[in-house]
Amino acid sequence: MSAPDNHTDHQAADPVDEIVPMMPIVLPIVGGVLMFLLAFIAVSMA
């Protein structure tokens, strides 16, 4: 008796590989939001 053939060529999707192509768009947006939040905190504390 042989074991059932469970071999598939489909690999699990890596979440890092899905995010990397969006980095040129995501990083400036997140950086802008972070700078705005830090400036808001600095002004509100002053």
PDB file of N, CA and C in Angstrom:
ATOM      1  N   MET A   1       0.841  -1.185   0.000  1.00  0.00           N
ATOM      2  CA  MET A   1       0.000   0.000   0.000  1.00  0.00           C
ATOM      3  C   MET A   1       0.883   1.245   0.000  1.00  0.00           C
ATOM      4  N   SER A   2       0.483   2.211  -0.774  1.00  0.00           N
ATOM      5  CA  SER A   2       1.239   3.451  -0.818  1.00  0.00           C
ATOM      6  C   SER A   2       0.422   4.573  -0.191  1.00  0.00           C
ATOM      7  N   ALA A   3       1.128   5.566   0.265  1.00  0.00           N
ATOM      8  CA  ALA A   3       0.465   6.706   0.888  1.00  0.00           C
ATOM      9  C   ALA A   3      -0.255   7.531  -0.176  1.00  0.00           C
ATOM     10  N   PRO A   4      -1.331   8.177   0.201  1.00  0.00           N
ATOM     11  CA  PRO A   4      -2.025   9.018  -0.787  1.00  0.00           C
ATOM     12  C   PRO A   4      -1.139  10.179  -1.231  1.00  0.00           C
ATOM     13  N   ASP A   5      -1.319  10.586  -2.465  1.00  0.00           N
ATOM     14  CA  ASP A   5      -0.480  11.641  -3.026  1.00  0.00           C
ATOM     15  C   ASP A   5      -1.039  13.001  -2.607  1.00  0.00           C
ATOM     16  N   ASN A   6      -0.441  13.580  -1.577  1.00  0.00           N
ATOM     17  CA  ASN A   6      -0.872  14.891  -1.103  1.00  0.00           C
ATOM     18  C   ASN A   6       0.018  16.008  -1.635  1.00  0.00           C
ATOM     19  N   HIS A   7       0.913  15.686  -2.546  1.00  0.00           N
ATOM     20  CA  HIS A   7       1.862  16.671  -3.054  1.00  0.00           C
ATOM     21  C   HIS A   7       1.151  17.637  -3.994  1.00  0.00           C
ATOM     22  N   THR A   8       1.322  18.913  -3.708  1.00  0.00           N
ATOM     23  CA  THR A   8       0.803  19.939  -4.610  1.00  0.00           C
ATOM     24  C   THR A   8       1.915  20.941  -4.871  1.00  0.00           C
ATOM     25  N   ASP A   9       1.866  21.576  -6.015  1.00  0.00           N
ATOM     26  CA  ASP A   9       2.884  22.559  -6.373  1.00  0.00           C
ATOM     27  C   ASP A   9       2.529  23.961  -5.879  1.00  0.00           C
ATOM     28  N   HIS A  10       1.399  24.093  -5.220  1.00  0.00           N
ATOM     29  CA  HIS A  10       0.973  25.396  -4.725  1.00  0.00           C
ATOM     30  C   HIS A  10       1.685  25.702  -3.408  1.00  0.00           C
ATOM     31  N   GLN A  11       2.390  26.835  -3.377  1.00  0.00           N
ATOM     32  CA  GLN A  11       3.074  27.242  -2.156  1.00  0.00           C
ATOM     33  C   GLN A  11       2.204  28.246  -1.411  1.00  0.00           C
ATOM     34  N   ALA A  12       2.370  28.289  -0.112  1.00  0.00           N
ATOM     35  CA  ALA A  12       1.613  29.237   0.697  1.00  0.00           C
ATOM     36  C   ALA A  12       2.060  30.660   0.366  1.00  0.00           C
ATOM     37  N   ALA A  13       1.116  31.567   0.298  1.00  0.00           N
ATOM     38  CA  ALA A  13       1.426  32.959  -0.022  1.00  0.00           C
ATOM     39  C   ALA A  13       2.131  33.603   1.166  1.00  0.00           C
ATOM     40  N   ASP A  14       3.262  34.233   0.884  1.00  0.00           N
ATOM     41  CA  ASP A  14       4.028  34.916   1.922  1.00  0.00           C
ATOM     42  C   ASP A  14       3.492  36.343   2.061  1.00  0.00           C
ATOM     43  N   PRO A  15       3.052  36.746   3.242  1.00  0.00           N
ATOM     44  CA  PRO A  15       2.498  38.098   3.375  1.00  0.00           C
ATOM     45  C   PRO A  15       3.507  39.199   3.063  1.00  0.00           C
ATOM     46  N   VAL A  16       4.782  38.940   3.308  1.00  0.00           N
ATOM     47  CA  VAL A  16       5.797  39.953   3.008  1.00  0.00           C
ATOM     48  C   VAL A  16       5.881  40.183   1.505  1.00  0.00           C
ATOM     49  N   ASP A  17       5.817  39.110   0.716  1.00  0.00           N
ATOM     50  CA  ASP A  17       5.880  39.240  -0.731  1.00  0.00           C
ATOM     51  C   ASP A  17       4.671  39.981  -1.290  1.00  0.00           C
ATOM     52  N   GLU A  18       3.547  39.951  -0.584  1.00  0.00           N
ATOM     53  CA  GLU A  18       2.367  40.667  -1.054  1.00  0.00           C
ATOM     54  C   GLU A  18       2.445  42.157  -0.730  1.00  0.00           C
ATOM     55  N   ILE A  19       3.162  42.528   0.342  1.00  0.00           N
ATOM     56  CA  ILE A  19       3.225  43.921   0.780  1.00  0.00           C
ATOM     57  C   ILE A  19       4.339  44.694   0.071  1.00  0.00           C
ATOM     58  N   VAL A  20       5.434  44.014  -0.277  1.00  0.00           N
ATOM     59  CA  VAL A  20       6.611  44.695  -0.825  1.00  0.00           C
ATOM     60  C   VAL A  20       6.301  45.537  -2.066  1.00  0.00           C
ATOM     61  N   PRO A  21       5.486  45.084  -3.020  1.00  0.00           N
ATOM     62  CA  PRO A  21       5.221  45.949  -4.187  1.00  0.00           C
ATOM     63  C   PRO A  21       4.476  47.249  -3.847  1.00  0.00           C
ATOM     64  N   MET A  22       3.789  47.300  -2.713  1.00  0.00           N
ATOM     65  CA  MET A  22       3.045  48.504  -2.329  1.00  0.00           C
ATOM     66  C   MET A  22       3.883  49.479  -1.511  1.00  0.00           C
ATOM     67  N   MET A  23       5.116  49.118  -1.166  1.00  0.00           N
ATOM     68  CA  MET A  23       5.938  49.957  -0.290  1.00  0.00           C
ATOM     69  C   MET A  23       6.176  51.369  -0.834  1.00  0.00           C
ATOM     70  N   PRO A  24       6.440  51.574  -2.138  1.00  0.00           N
ATOM     71  CA  PRO A  24       6.658  52.971  -2.593  1.00  0.00           C
ATOM     72  C   PRO A  24       5.440  53.866  -2.404  1.00  0.00           C
ATOM     73  N   ILE A  25       4.268  53.302  -2.268  1.00  0.00           N
ATOM     74  CA  ILE A  25       3.059  54.090  -2.051  1.00  0.00           C
ATOM     75  C   ILE A  25       2.767  54.207  -0.560  1.00  0.00           C
ATOM     76  N   VAL A  26       2.945  53.107   0.173  1.00  0.00           N
ATOM     77  CA  VAL A  26       2.547  53.069   1.580  1.00  0.00           C
ATOM     78  C   VAL A  26       3.498  53.866   2.469  1.00  0.00           C
ATOM     79  N   LEU A  27       4.800  53.758   2.239  1.00  0.00           N
ATOM     80  CA  LEU A  27       5.762  54.413   3.133  1.00  0.00           C
ATOM     81  C   LEU A  27       5.621  55.940   3.191  1.00  0.00           C
ATOM     82  N   PRO A  28       5.501  56.648   2.049  1.00  0.00           N
ATOM     83  CA  PRO A  28       5.330  58.112   2.165  1.00  0.00           C
ATOM     84  C   PRO A  28       4.027  58.503   2.853  1.00  0.00           C
ATOM     85  N   ILE A  29       2.961  57.756   2.618  1.00  0.00           N
ATOM     86  CA  ILE A  29       1.684  58.072   3.256  1.00  0.00           C
ATOM     87  C   ILE A  29       1.788  57.880   4.767  1.00  0.00           C
ATOM     88  N   VAL A  30       2.348  56.747   5.188  1.00  0.00           N
ATOM     89  CA  VAL A  30       2.491  56.482   6.620  1.00  0.00           C
ATOM     90  C   VAL A  30       3.454  57.485   7.248  1.00  0.00           C
ATOM     91  N   GLY A  31       4.515  57.850   6.533  1.00  0.00           N
ATOM     92  CA  GLY A  31       5.446  58.850   7.050  1.00  0.00           C
ATOM     93  C   GLY A  31       4.786  60.203   7.235  1.00  0.00           C
ATOM     94  N   GLY A  32       3.950  60.599   6.271  1.00  0.00           N
ATOM     95  CA  GLY A  32       3.240  61.866   6.395  1.00  0.00           C
ATOM     96  C   GLY A  32       2.280  61.867   7.563  1.00  0.00           C
ATOM     97  N   VAL A  33       1.558  60.778   7.740  1.00  0.00           N
ATOM     98  CA  VAL A  33       0.619  60.676   8.872  1.00  0.00           C
ATOM     99  C   VAL A  33       1.380  60.712  10.192  1.00  0.00           C
ATOM    100  N   LEU A  34       2.504  60.015  10.248  1.00  0.00           N
ATOM    101  CA  LEU A  34       3.298  59.999  11.484  1.00  0.00           C
ATOM    102  C   LEU A  34       3.847  61.392  11.808  1.00  0.00           C
ATOM    103  N   MET A  35       4.343  62.112  10.786  1.00  0.00           N
ATOM    104  CA  MET A  35       4.852  63.461  11.025  1.00  0.00           C
ATOM    105  C   MET A  35       3.736  64.389  11.486  1.00  0.00           C
ATOM    106  N   PHE A  36       2.527  64.263  10.888  1.00  0.00           N
ATOM    107  CA  PHE A  36       1.404  65.083  11.314  1.00  0.00           C
ATOM    108  C   PHE A  36       1.037  64.793  12.772  1.00  0.00           C
ATOM    109  N   LEU A  37       0.997  63.529  13.138  1.00  0.00           N
ATOM    110  CA  LEU A  37       0.644  63.175  14.507  1.00  0.00           C
ATOM    111  C   LEU A  37       1.692  63.676  15.503  1.00  0.00           C
ATOM    112  N   LEU A  38       2.964  63.544  15.152  1.00  0.00           N
ATOM    113  CA  LEU A  38       4.009  64.037  16.055  1.00  0.00           C
ATOM    114  C   LEU A  38       3.947  65.550  16.191  1.00  0.00           C
ATOM    115  N   ALA A  39       3.694  66.271  15.101  1.00  0.00           N
ATOM    116  CA  ALA A  39       3.576  67.725  15.170  1.00  0.00           C
ATOM    117  C   ALA A  39       2.354  68.117  15.999  1.00  0.00           C
ATOM    118  N   PHE A  40       1.244  67.394  15.850  1.00  0.00           N
ATOM    119  CA  PHE A  40       0.043  67.686  16.618  1.00  0.00           C
ATOM    120  C   PHE A  40       0.301  67.497  18.114  1.00  0.00           C
ATOM    121  N   ILE A  41       1.015  66.433  18.449  1.00  0.00           N
ATOM    122  CA  ILE A  41       1.337  66.180  19.857  1.00  0.00           C
ATOM    123  C   ILE A  41       2.250  67.288  20.390  1.00  0.00           C
ATOM    124  N   ALA A  42       3.243  67.704  19.599  1.00  0.00           N
ATOM    125  CA  ALA A  42       4.166  68.748  20.056  1.00  0.00           C
ATOM    126  C   ALA A  42       3.442  70.061  20.260  1.00  0.00           C
ATOM    127  N   VAL A  43       2.514  70.416  19.347  1.00  0.00           N
ATOM    128  CA  VAL A  43       1.799  71.686  19.478  1.00  0.00           C
ATOM    129  C   VAL A  43       0.836  71.627  20.657  1.00  0.00           C
ATOM    130  N   SER A  44       0.201  70.492  20.850  1.00  0.00           N
ATOM    131  CA  SER A  44      -0.768  70.398  21.939  1.00  0.00           C
ATOM    132  C   SER A  44      -0.069  70.403  23.311  1.00  0.00           C
ATOM    133  N   MET A  45       1.170  69.942  23.371  1.00  0.00           N
ATOM    134  CA  MET A  45       1.898  69.960  24.637  1.00  0.00           C
ATOM    135  C   MET A  45       2.500  71.317  24.927  1.00  0.00           C
ATOM    136  N   ALA A  46       2.701  72.124  23.894  1.00  0.00           N
ATOM    137  CA  ALA A  46       3.355  73.436  24.088  1.00  0.00           C
ATOM    138  C   ALA A  46       2.408  74.459  24.704  1.00  0.00           C
TER     139      ALA A  46
END
